[in-house]
Amino acid sequence: MGLELYLDLLSQPCRAVYIFAKKNRIPFELRTVELLKGQHRSDAFAQVNPLRKVPALKDGEFTLAESPSVPAAKSSKADPNWPPGTSVWRPQWGRTSSRRPMQLS
């Protein structure tokens, strides 16, 4: 199975990931998670992302749930010359979008 994106296009971070994937012609399967219906809080979605947040990316057994890291991971999948891993993004994205420090445990 290929790349799966769990998104709700009402969410700005989800739209950014969706547009990024489309613009860069990265093939993916869209899995809609309706936030207004509370689908992100379901036990089924918790199997994909225990944080119960979107966007989430799943590639086989690998799941990524950090919003800024999703485009980085997708870029490396589309272009092998892209810097490997999301560790490249940690210094730049050392804070969340809410400006609270992330725990880097």
PDB file of N, CA and C in Angstrom:
ATOM      1  N   MET A   1       0.852  -1.184   0.000  1.00  0.00           N
ATOM      2  CA  MET A   1       0.000   0.000   0.000  1.00  0.00           C
ATOM      3  C   MET A   1       0.892   1.240   0.000  1.00  0.00           C
ATOM      4  N   GLY A   2       0.458   2.287  -0.674  1.00  0.00           N
ATOM      5  CA  GLY A   2       1.224   3.512  -0.778  1.00  0.00           C
ATOM      6  C   GLY A   2       1.008   4.447   0.394  1.00  0.00           C
ATOM      7  N   LEU A   3       1.299   5.682   0.153  1.00  0.00           N
ATOM      8  CA  LEU A   3       1.179   6.733   1.148  1.00  0.00           C
ATOM      9  C   LEU A   3      -0.284   7.022   1.443  1.00  0.00           C
ATOM     10  N   GLU A   4      -0.640   7.097   2.716  1.00  0.00           N
ATOM     11  CA  GLU A   4      -1.995   7.451   3.123  1.00  0.00           C
ATOM     12  C   GLU A   4      -1.933   8.752   3.905  1.00  0.00           C
ATOM     13  N   LEU A   5      -2.783   9.699   3.543  1.00  0.00           N
ATOM     14  CA  LEU A   5      -2.873  10.961   4.263  1.00  0.00           C
ATOM     15  C   LEU A   5      -4.220  11.045   4.947  1.00  0.00           C
ATOM     16  N   TYR A   6      -4.198  11.289   6.242  1.00  0.00           N
ATOM     17  CA  TYR A   6      -5.414  11.455   7.032  1.00  0.00           C
ATOM     18  C   TYR A   6      -5.592  12.948   7.243  1.00  0.00           C
ATOM     19  N   LEU A   7      -6.632  13.501   6.597  1.00  0.00           N
ATOM     20  CA  LEU A   7      -6.815  14.947   6.568  1.00  0.00           C
ATOM     21  C   LEU A   7      -8.278  15.333   6.725  1.00  0.00           C
ATOM     22  N   ASP A   8      -8.491  16.546   7.200  1.00  0.00           N
ATOM     23  CA  ASP A   8      -9.775  17.225   7.090  1.00  0.00           C
ATOM     24  C   ASP A   8      -9.459  18.553   6.424  1.00  0.00           C
ATOM     25  N   LEU A   9      -9.953  18.752   5.232  1.00  0.00           N
ATOM     26  CA  LEU A   9      -9.580  19.939   4.459  1.00  0.00           C
ATOM     27  C   LEU A   9     -10.152  21.230   5.035  1.00  0.00           C
ATOM     28  N   LEU A  10     -10.946  21.157   6.103  1.00  0.00           N
ATOM     29  CA  LEU A  10     -11.355  22.365   6.824  1.00  0.00           C
ATOM     30  C   LEU A  10     -10.213  22.896   7.689  1.00  0.00           C
ATOM     31  N   SER A  11      -9.227  22.057   7.953  1.00  0.00           N
ATOM     32  CA  SER A  11      -8.086  22.418   8.790  1.00  0.00           C
ATOM     33  C   SER A  11      -6.985  23.026   7.922  1.00  0.00           C
ATOM     34  N   GLN A  12      -6.459  24.181   8.324  1.00  0.00           N
ATOM     35  CA  GLN A  12      -5.417  24.850   7.549  1.00  0.00           C
ATOM     36  C   GLN A  12      -4.159  23.990   7.437  1.00  0.00           C
ATOM     37  N   PRO A  13      -3.657  23.366   8.517  1.00  0.00           N
ATOM     38  CA  PRO A  13      -2.481  22.518   8.342  1.00  0.00           C
ATOM     39  C   PRO A  13      -2.726  21.345   7.386  1.00  0.00           C
ATOM     40  N   CYS A  14      -3.930  20.808   7.398  1.00  0.00           N
ATOM     41  CA  CYS A  14      -4.267  19.717   6.471  1.00  0.00           C
ATOM     42  C   CYS A  14      -4.279  20.210   5.035  1.00  0.00           C
ATOM     43  N   ARG A  15      -4.840  21.391   4.820  1.00  0.00           N
ATOM     44  CA  ARG A  15      -4.860  21.938   3.456  1.00  0.00           C
ATOM     45  C   ARG A  15      -3.443  22.179   2.955  1.00  0.00           C
ATOM     46  N   ALA A  16      -2.565  22.650   3.836  1.00  0.00           N
ATOM     47  CA  ALA A  16      -1.183  22.904   3.434  1.00  0.00           C
ATOM     48  C   ALA A  16      -0.507  21.609   2.997  1.00  0.00           C
ATOM     49  N   VAL A  17      -0.714  20.526   3.741  1.00  0.00           N
ATOM     50  CA  VAL A  17      -0.133  19.236   3.389  1.00  0.00           C
ATOM     51  C   VAL A  17      -0.731  18.732   2.078  1.00  0.00           C
ATOM     52  N   TYR A  18      -2.037  18.868   1.918  1.00  0.00           N
ATOM     53  CA  TYR A  18      -2.725  18.426   0.707  1.00  0.00           C
ATOM     54  C   TYR A  18      -2.207  19.183  -0.523  1.00  0.00           C
ATOM     55  N   ILE A  19      -2.118  20.489  -0.420  1.00  0.00           N
ATOM     56  CA  ILE A  19      -1.633  21.309  -1.537  1.00  0.00           C
ATOM     57  C   ILE A  19      -0.183  20.964  -1.855  1.00  0.00           C
ATOM     58  N   PHE A  20       0.625  20.782  -0.821  1.00  0.00           N
ATOM     59  CA  PHE A  20       2.027  20.416  -1.017  1.00  0.00           C
ATOM     60  C   PHE A  20       2.138  19.111  -1.811  1.00  0.00           C
ATOM     61  N   ALA A  21       1.347  18.113  -1.418  1.00  0.00           N
ATOM     62  CA  ALA A  21       1.394  16.810  -2.095  1.00  0.00           C
ATOM     63  C   ALA A  21       0.938  16.925  -3.551  1.00  0.00           C
ATOM     64  N   LYS A  22      -0.146  17.652  -3.775  1.00  0.00           N
ATOM     65  CA  LYS A  22      -0.659  17.814  -5.141  1.00  0.00           C
ATOM     66  C   LYS A  22       0.332  18.586  -6.011  1.00  0.00           C
ATOM     67  N   LYS A  23       0.852  19.682  -5.476  1.00  0.00           N
ATOM     68  CA  LYS A  23       1.768  20.538  -6.239  1.00  0.00           C
ATOM     69  C   LYS A  23       3.037  19.783  -6.628  1.00  0.00           C
ATOM     70  N   ASN A  24       3.502  18.894  -5.751  1.00  0.00           N
ATOM     71  CA  ASN A  24       4.729  18.145  -6.008  1.00  0.00           C
ATOM     72  C   ASN A  24       4.469  16.775  -6.621  1.00  0.00           C
ATOM     73  N   ARG A  25       3.221  16.534  -7.018  1.00  0.00           N
ATOM     74  CA  ARG A  25       2.817  15.288  -7.685  1.00  0.00           C
ATOM     75  C   ARG A  25       3.234  14.046  -6.900  1.00  0.00           C
ATOM     76  N   ILE A  26       3.032  14.102  -5.594  1.00  0.00           N
ATOM     77  CA  ILE A  26       3.328  12.961  -4.733  1.00  0.00           C
ATOM     78  C   ILE A  26       2.060  12.116  -4.646  1.00  0.00           C
ATOM     79  N   PRO A  27       2.102  10.882  -5.105  1.00  0.00           N
ATOM     80  CA  PRO A  27       0.894  10.053  -5.059  1.00  0.00           C
ATOM     81  C   PRO A  27       0.535   9.675  -3.623  1.00  0.00           C
ATOM     82  N   PHE A  28      -0.751   9.791  -3.302  1.00  0.00           N
ATOM     83  CA  PHE A  28      -1.218   9.442  -1.968  1.00  0.00           C
ATOM     84  C   PHE A  28      -2.681   9.041  -2.038  1.00  0.00           C
ATOM     85  N   GLU A  29      -3.104   8.351  -0.997  1.00  0.00           N
ATOM     86  CA  GLU A  29      -4.503   7.985  -0.853  1.00  0.00           C
ATOM     87  C   GLU A  29      -5.082   8.859   0.258  1.00  0.00           C
ATOM     88  N   LEU A  30      -6.122   9.605  -0.064  1.00  0.00           N
ATOM     89  CA  LEU A  30      -6.728  10.516   0.905  1.00  0.00           C
ATOM     90  C   LEU A  30      -7.677   9.751   1.817  1.00  0.00           C
ATOM     91  N   ARG A  31      -7.466   9.894   3.115  1.00  0.00           N
ATOM     92  CA  ARG A  31      -8.349   9.330   4.131  1.00  0.00           C
ATOM     93  C   ARG A  31      -8.944  10.509   4.892  1.00  0.00           C
ATOM     94  N   THR A  32     -10.199  10.798   4.630  1.00  0.00           N
ATOM     95  CA  THR A  32     -10.837  11.959   5.256  1.00  0.00           C
ATOM     96  C   THR A  32     -11.204  11.653   6.705  1.00  0.00           C
ATOM     97  N   VAL A  33     -10.824  12.558   7.584  1.00  0.00           N
ATOM     98  CA  VAL A  33     -11.169  12.489   9.004  1.00  0.00           C
ATOM     99  C   VAL A  33     -11.969  13.749   9.300  1.00  0.00           C
ATOM    100  N   GLU A  34     -13.260  13.615   9.559  1.00  0.00           N
ATOM    101  CA  GLU A  34     -14.120  14.780   9.764  1.00  0.00           C
ATOM    102  C   GLU A  34     -14.045  15.248  11.215  1.00  0.00           C
ATOM    103  N   LEU A  35     -13.361  16.374  11.399  1.00  0.00           N
ATOM    104  CA  LEU A  35     -13.170  16.917  12.738  1.00  0.00           C
ATOM    105  C   LEU A  35     -14.489  17.343  13.385  1.00  0.00           C
ATOM    106  N   LEU A  36     -15.366  17.934  12.594  1.00  0.00           N
ATOM    107  CA  LEU A  36     -16.638  18.405  13.157  1.00  0.00           C
ATOM    108  C   LEU A  36     -17.513  17.264  13.657  1.00  0.00           C
ATOM    109  N   LYS A  37     -17.305  16.077  13.127  1.00  0.00           N
ATOM    110  CA  LYS A  37     -18.048  14.898  13.582  1.00  0.00           C
ATOM    111  C   LYS A  37     -17.300  14.149  14.688  1.00  0.00           C
ATOM    112  N   GLY A  38     -16.112  14.623  15.035  1.00  0.00           N
ATOM    113  CA  GLY A  38     -15.343  13.997  16.103  1.00  0.00           C
ATOM    114  C   GLY A  38     -14.649  12.712  15.707  1.00  0.00           C
ATOM    115  N   GLN A  39     -14.467  12.484  14.418  1.00  0.00           N
ATOM    116  CA  GLN A  39     -13.839  11.241  13.971  1.00  0.00           C
ATOM    117  C   GLN A  39     -12.387  11.115  14.440  1.00  0.00           C
ATOM    118  N   HIS A  40     -11.737  12.238  14.709  1.00  0.00           N
ATOM    119  CA  HIS A  40     -10.351  12.202  15.178  1.00  0.00           C
ATOM    120  C   HIS A  40     -10.254  11.672  16.610  1.00  0.00           C
ATOM    121  N   ARG A  41     -11.367  11.641  17.327  1.00  0.00           N
ATOM    122  CA  ARG A  41     -11.380  11.126  18.698  1.00  0.00           C
ATOM    123  C   ARG A  41     -11.763   9.653  18.776  1.00  0.00           C
ATOM    124  N   SER A  42     -12.006   9.031  17.646  1.00  0.00           N
ATOM    125  CA  SER A  42     -12.441   7.629  17.646  1.00  0.00           C
ATOM    126  C   SER A  42     -11.271   6.702  17.963  1.00  0.00           C
ATOM    127  N   ASP A  43     -11.609   5.529  18.456  1.00  0.00           N
ATOM    128  CA  ASP A  43     -10.586   4.524  18.739  1.00  0.00           C
ATOM    129  C   ASP A  43      -9.923   4.038  17.452  1.00  0.00           C
ATOM    130  N   ALA A  44     -10.680   3.999  16.368  1.00  0.00           N
ATOM    131  CA  ALA A  44     -10.121   3.575  15.083  1.00  0.00           C
ATOM    132  C   ALA A  44      -9.022   4.541  14.636  1.00  0.00           C
ATOM    133  N   PHE A  45      -9.250   5.844  14.765  1.00  0.00           N
ATOM    134  CA  PHE A  45      -8.228   6.815  14.358  1.00  0.00           C
ATOM    135  C   PHE A  45      -7.060   6.819  15.336  1.00  0.00           C
ATOM    136  N   ALA A  46      -7.312   6.500  16.597  1.00  0.00           N
ATOM    137  CA  ALA A  46      -6.225   6.436  17.581  1.00  0.00           C
ATOM    138  C   ALA A  46      -5.210   5.355  17.209  1.00  0.00           C
ATOM    139  N   GLN A  47      -5.628   4.356  16.434  1.00  0.00           N
ATOM    140  CA  GLN A  47      -4.697   3.342  15.950  1.00  0.00           C
ATOM    141  C   GLN A  47      -3.721   3.940  14.942  1.00  0.00           C
ATOM    142  N   VAL A  48      -4.161   4.954  14.207  1.00  0.00           N
ATOM    143  CA  VAL A  48      -3.306   5.643  13.243  1.00  0.00           C
ATOM    144  C   VAL A  48      -2.444   6.670  13.960  1.00  0.00           C
ATOM    145  N   ASN A  49      -3.077   7.506  14.782  1.00  0.00           N
ATOM    146  CA  ASN A  49      -2.372   8.564  15.495  1.00  0.00           C
ATOM    147  C   ASN A  49      -2.863   8.616  16.937  1.00  0.00           C
ATOM    148  N   PRO A  50      -2.059   8.134  17.875  1.00  0.00           N
ATOM    149  CA  PRO A  50      -2.464   8.162  19.279  1.00  0.00           C
ATOM    150  C   PRO A  50      -2.702   9.574  19.820  1.00  0.00           C
ATOM    151  N   LEU A  51      -2.134  10.582  19.164  1.00  0.00           N
ATOM    152  CA  LEU A  51      -2.379  11.971  19.571  1.00  0.00           C
ATOM    153  C   LEU A  51      -3.767  12.442  19.146  1.00  0.00           C
ATOM    154  N   ARG A  52      -4.387  11.682  18.233  1.00  0.00           N
ATOM    155  CA  ARG A  52      -5.732  11.967  17.720  1.00  0.00           C
ATOM    156  C   ARG A  52      -5.814  13.347  17.066  1.00  0.00           C
ATOM    157  N   LYS A  53      -4.795  13.654  16.273  1.00  0.00           N
ATOM    158  CA  LYS A  53      -4.750  14.934  15.557  1.00  0.00           C
ATOM    159  C   LYS A  53      -4.464  14.686  14.083  1.00  0.00           C
ATOM    160  N   VAL A  54      -4.924  15.614  13.259  1.00  0.00           N
ATOM    161  CA  VAL A  54      -4.620  15.596  11.837  1.00  0.00           C
ATOM    162  C   VAL A  54      -3.790  16.828  11.521  1.00  0.00           C
ATOM    163  N   PRO A  55      -2.967  16.796  10.519  1.00  0.00           N
ATOM    164  CA  PRO A  55      -2.750  15.750   9.535  1.00  0.00           C
ATOM    165  C   PRO A  55      -1.902  14.620  10.097  1.00  0.00           C
ATOM    166  N   ALA A  56      -2.082  13.457   9.514  1.00  0.00           N
ATOM    167  CA  ALA A  56      -1.255  12.295   9.827  1.00  0.00           C
ATOM    168  C   ALA A  56      -0.907  11.609   8.514  1.00  0.00           C
ATOM    169  N   LEU A  57       0.281  11.079   8.460  1.00  0.00           N
ATOM    170  CA  LEU A  57       0.764  10.393   7.270  1.00  0.00           C
ATOM    171  C   LEU A  57       1.094   8.963   7.665  1.00  0.00           C
ATOM    172  N   LYS A  58       0.677   8.022   6.851  1.00  0.00           N
ATOM    173  CA  LYS A  58       1.003   6.624   7.098  1.00  0.00           C
ATOM    174  C   LYS A  58       1.610   6.044   5.828  1.00  0.00           C
ATOM    175  N   ASP A  59       2.759   5.416   5.992  1.00  0.00           N
ATOM    176  CA  ASP A  59       3.458   4.781   4.881  1.00  0.00           C
ATOM    177  C   ASP A  59       3.835   3.385   5.343  1.00  0.00           C
ATOM    178  N   GLY A  60       2.995   2.414   5.031  1.00  0.00           N
ATOM    179  CA  GLY A  60       3.205   1.062   5.528  1.00  0.00           C
ATOM    180  C   GLY A  60       3.026   1.029   7.034  1.00  0.00           C
ATOM    181  N   GLU A  61       4.065   0.625   7.746  1.00  0.00           N
ATOM    182  CA  GLU A  61       4.015   0.566   9.213  1.00  0.00           C
ATOM    183  C   GLU A  61       4.433   1.889   9.855  1.00  0.00           C
ATOM    184  N   PHE A  62       5.007   2.792   9.063  1.00  0.00           N
ATOM    185  CA  PHE A  62       5.496   4.071   9.577  1.00  0.00           C
ATOM    186  C   PHE A  62       4.371   5.093   9.608  1.00  0.00           C
ATOM    187  N   THR A  63       4.201   5.760  10.748  1.00  0.00           N
ATOM    188  CA  THR A  63       3.191   6.810  10.888  1.00  0.00           C
ATOM    189  C   THR A  63       3.865   8.077  11.387  1.00  0.00           C
ATOM    190  N   LEU A  64       3.477   9.200  10.806  1.00  0.00           N
ATOM    191  CA  LEU A  64       4.015  10.496  11.199  1.00  0.00           C
ATOM    192  C   LEU A  64       2.861  11.417  11.525  1.00  0.00           C
ATOM    193  N   ALA A  65       2.921  12.057  12.686  1.00  0.00           N
ATOM    194  CA  ALA A  65       1.805  12.876  13.130  1.00  0.00           C
ATOM    195  C   ALA A  65       2.176  14.321  13.421  1.00  0.00           C
ATOM    196  N   GLU A  66       3.440  14.697  13.290  1.00  0.00           N
ATOM    197  CA  GLU A  66       3.827  16.083  13.517  1.00  0.00           C
ATOM    198  C   GLU A  66       3.554  16.879  12.256  1.00  0.00           C
ATOM    199  N   SER A  67       2.709  17.878  12.343  1.00  0.00           N
ATOM    200  CA  SER A  67       2.275  18.625  11.177  1.00  0.00           C
ATOM    201  C   SER A  67       3.428  19.171  10.327  1.00  0.00           C
ATOM    202  N   PRO A  68       4.437  19.847  10.894  1.00  0.00           N
ATOM    203  CA  PRO A  68       5.517  20.368  10.038  1.00  0.00           C
ATOM    204  C   PRO A  68       6.382  19.285   9.421  1.00  0.00           C
ATOM    205  N   SER A  69       6.431  18.101  10.029  1.00  0.00           N
ATOM    206  CA  SER A  69       7.287  17.032   9.523  1.00  0.00           C
ATOM    207  C   SER A  69       6.668  16.278   8.365  1.00  0.00           C
ATOM    208  N   VAL A  70       5.345  16.366   8.209  1.00  0.00           N
ATOM    209  CA  VAL A  70       4.678  15.610   7.140  1.00  0.00           C
ATOM    210  C   VAL A  70       5.182  16.038   5.765  1.00  0.00           C
ATOM    211  N   PRO A  71       5.242  17.344   5.449  1.00  0.00           N
ATOM    212  CA  PRO A  71       5.789  17.710   4.124  1.00  0.00           C
ATOM    213  C   PRO A  71       7.241  17.283   3.952  1.00  0.00           C
ATOM    214  N   ALA A  72       8.029  17.329   5.020  1.00  0.00           N
ATOM    215  CA  ALA A  72       9.435  16.919   4.920  1.00  0.00           C
ATOM    216  C   ALA A  72       9.533  15.445   4.586  1.00  0.00           C
ATOM    217  N   ALA A  73       8.742  14.628   5.237  1.00  0.00           N
ATOM    218  CA  ALA A  73       8.768  13.190   4.978  1.00  0.00           C
ATOM    219  C   ALA A  73       8.284  12.893   3.569  1.00  0.00           C
ATOM    220  N   LYS A  74       7.250  13.594   3.129  1.00  0.00           N
ATOM    221  CA  LYS A  74       6.730  13.375   1.786  1.00  0.00           C
ATOM    222  C   LYS A  74       7.735  13.831   0.739  1.00  0.00           C
ATOM    223  N   SER A  75       8.473  14.899   1.016  1.00  0.00           N
ATOM    224  CA  SER A  75       9.482  15.374   0.074  1.00  0.00           C
ATOM    225  C   SER A  75      10.581  14.349  -0.090  1.00  0.00           C
ATOM    226  N   SER A  76      11.009  13.757   1.019  1.00  0.00           N
ATOM    227  CA  SER A  76      12.080  12.770   0.922  1.00  0.00           C
ATOM    228  C   SER A  76      11.599  11.526   0.186  1.00  0.00           C
ATOM    229  N   LYS A  77      10.305  11.233   0.253  1.00  0.00           N
ATOM    230  CA  LYS A  77       9.752  10.087  -0.479  1.00  0.00           C
ATOM    231  C   LYS A  77       9.750  10.394  -1.987  1.00  0.00           C
ATOM    232  N   ALA A  78       9.433  11.636  -2.342  1.00  0.00           N
ATOM    233  CA  ALA A  78       9.349  12.015  -3.749  1.00  0.00           C
ATOM    234  C   ALA A  78      10.722  12.273  -4.368  1.00  0.00           C
ATOM    235  N   ASP A  79      11.663  12.808  -3.557  1.00  0.00           N
ATOM    236  CA  ASP A  79      12.975  13.171  -4.076  1.00  0.00           C
ATOM    237  C   ASP A  79      14.048  12.624  -3.140  1.00  0.00           C
ATOM    238  N   PRO A  80      14.761  11.589  -3.533  1.00  0.00           N
ATOM    239  CA  PRO A  80      15.773  10.991  -2.658  1.00  0.00           C
ATOM    240  C   PRO A  80      16.890  11.957  -2.257  1.00  0.00           C
ATOM    241  N   ASN A  81      17.058  13.068  -2.969  1.00  0.00           N
ATOM    242  CA  ASN A  81      18.090  14.041  -2.630  1.00  0.00           C
ATOM    243  C   ASN A  81      17.670  14.980  -1.509  1.00  0.00           C
ATOM    244  N   TRP A  82      16.392  14.917  -1.103  1.00  0.00           N
ATOM    245  CA  TRP A  82      15.907  15.753  -0.009  1.00  0.00           C
ATOM    246  C   TRP A  82      16.626  15.330   1.269  1.00  0.00           C
ATOM    247  N   PRO A  83      16.922  16.264   2.191  1.00  0.00           N
ATOM    248  CA  PRO A  83      17.633  15.877   3.421  1.00  0.00           C
ATOM    249  C   PRO A  83      16.907  14.740   4.146  1.00  0.00           C
ATOM    250  N   PRO A  84      17.638  13.705   4.554  1.00  0.00           N
ATOM    251  CA  PRO A  84      16.993  12.528   5.138  1.00  0.00           C
ATOM    252  C   PRO A  84      16.431  12.790   6.529  1.00  0.00           C
ATOM    253  N   GLY A  85      15.301  12.172   6.804  1.00  0.00           N
ATOM    254  CA  GLY A  85      14.717  12.194   8.141  1.00  0.00           C
ATOM    255  C   GLY A  85      14.146  13.524   8.539  1.00  0.00           C
ATOM    256  N   THR A  86      13.344  13.509   9.573  1.00  0.00           N
ATOM    257  CA  THR A  86      12.752  14.750  10.065  1.00  0.00           C
ATOM    258  C   THR A  86      13.683  15.461  11.035  1.00  0.00           C
ATOM    259  N   SER A  87      14.814  14.837  11.404  1.00  0.00           N
ATOM    260  CA  SER A  87      15.739  15.487  12.327  1.00  0.00           C
ATOM    261  C   SER A  87      16.297  16.768  11.716  1.00  0.00           C
ATOM    262  N   VAL A  88      16.320  16.841  10.402  1.00  0.00           N
ATOM    263  CA  VAL A  88      16.772  18.052   9.713  1.00  0.00           C
ATOM    264  C   VAL A  88      15.846  19.212  10.037  1.00  0.00           C
ATOM    265  N   TRP A  89      14.575  18.906  10.251  1.00  0.00           N
ATOM    266  CA  TRP A  89      13.587  19.950  10.490  1.00  0.00           C
ATOM    267  C   TRP A  89      13.500  20.377  11.940  1.00  0.00           C
ATOM    268  N   ARG A  90      14.020  19.587  12.862  1.00  0.00           N
ATOM    269  CA  ARG A  90      13.865  19.911  14.281  1.00  0.00           C
ATOM    270  C   ARG A  90      14.414  21.287  14.650  1.00  0.00           C
ATOM    271  N   PRO A  91      15.627  21.678  14.216  1.00  0.00           N
ATOM    272  CA  PRO A  91      16.091  23.015  14.593  1.00  0.00           C
ATOM    273  C   PRO A  91      15.173  24.122  14.070  1.00  0.00           C
ATOM    274  N   GLN A  92      14.691  23.982  12.844  1.00  0.00           N
ATOM    275  CA  GLN A  92      13.838  25.009  12.258  1.00  0.00           C
ATOM    276  C   GLN A  92      12.461  25.009  12.896  1.00  0.00           C
ATOM    277  N   TRP A  93      11.946  23.818  13.182  1.00  0.00           N
ATOM    278  CA  TRP A  93      10.601  23.691  13.731  1.00  0.00           C
ATOM    279  C   TRP A  93      10.673  23.295  15.197  1.00  0.00           C
ATOM    280  N   GLY A  94      11.532  23.934  15.955  1.00  0.00           N
ATOM    281  CA  GLY A  94      11.718  23.595  17.365  1.00  0.00           C
ATOM    282  C   GLY A  94      10.552  23.977  18.242  1.00  0.00           C
ATOM    283  N   ARG A  95       9.601  24.668  17.690  1.00  0.00           N
ATOM    284  CA  ARG A  95       8.413  25.043  18.448  1.00  0.00           C
ATOM    285  C   ARG A  95       7.183  24.629  17.664  1.00  0.00           C
ATOM    286  N   THR A  96       6.098  24.453  18.367  1.00  0.00           N
ATOM    287  CA  THR A  96       4.859  24.122  17.692  1.00  0.00           C
ATOM    288  C   THR A  96       4.248  25.398  17.137  1.00  0.00           C
ATOM    289  N   SER A  97       3.202  25.264  16.373  1.00  0.00           N
ATOM    290  CA  SER A  97       2.552  26.439  15.811  1.00  0.00           C
ATOM    291  C   SER A  97       1.925  27.299  16.898  1.00  0.00           C
ATOM    292  N   SER A  98       1.706  26.741  18.091  1.00  0.00           N
ATOM    293  CA  SER A  98       1.140  27.519  19.195  1.00  0.00           C
ATOM    294  C   SER A  98       2.216  28.244  19.973  1.00  0.00           C
ATOM    295  N   ARG A  99       3.456  28.154  19.532  1.00  0.00           N
ATOM    296  CA  ARG A  99       4.612  28.832  20.129  1.00  0.00           C
ATOM    297  C   ARG A  99       5.032  28.237  21.471  1.00  0.00           C
ATOM    298  N   ARG A 100       4.515  27.079  21.832  1.00  0.00           N
ATOM    299  CA  ARG A 100       4.975  26.403  23.040  1.00  0.00           C
ATOM    300  C   ARG A 100       6.101  25.465  22.640  1.00  0.00           C
ATOM    301  N   PRO A 101       7.151  25.353  23.467  1.00  0.00           N
ATOM    302  CA  PRO A 101       8.243  24.461  23.105  1.00  0.00           C
ATOM    303  C   PRO A 101       7.770  23.017  22.985  1.00  0.00           C
ATOM    304  N   MET A 102       8.335  22.304  22.005  1.00  0.00           N
ATOM    305  CA  MET A 102       8.034  20.881  21.843  1.00  0.00           C
ATOM    306  C   MET A 102       8.950  20.077  22.757  1.00  0.00           C
ATOM    307  N   GLN A 103       8.466  18.965  23.238  1.00  0.00           N
ATOM    308  CA  GLN A 103       9.324  18.055  23.981  1.00  0.00           C
ATOM    309  C   GLN A 103      10.048  17.182  22.962  1.00  0.00           C
ATOM    310  N   LEU A 104      11.335  17.160  23.021  1.00  0.00           N
ATOM    311  CA  LEU A 104      12.128  16.374  22.088  1.00  0.00           C
ATOM    312  C   LEU A 104      12.723  15.180  22.834  1.00  0.00           C
ATOM    313  N   SER A 105      11.872  14.353  23.381  1.00  0.00           N
ATOM    314  CA  SER A 105      12.355  13.224  24.184  1.00  0.00           C
ATOM    315  C   SER A 105      12.891  12.105  23.364  1.00  0.00           C
TER     316      SER A 105
END
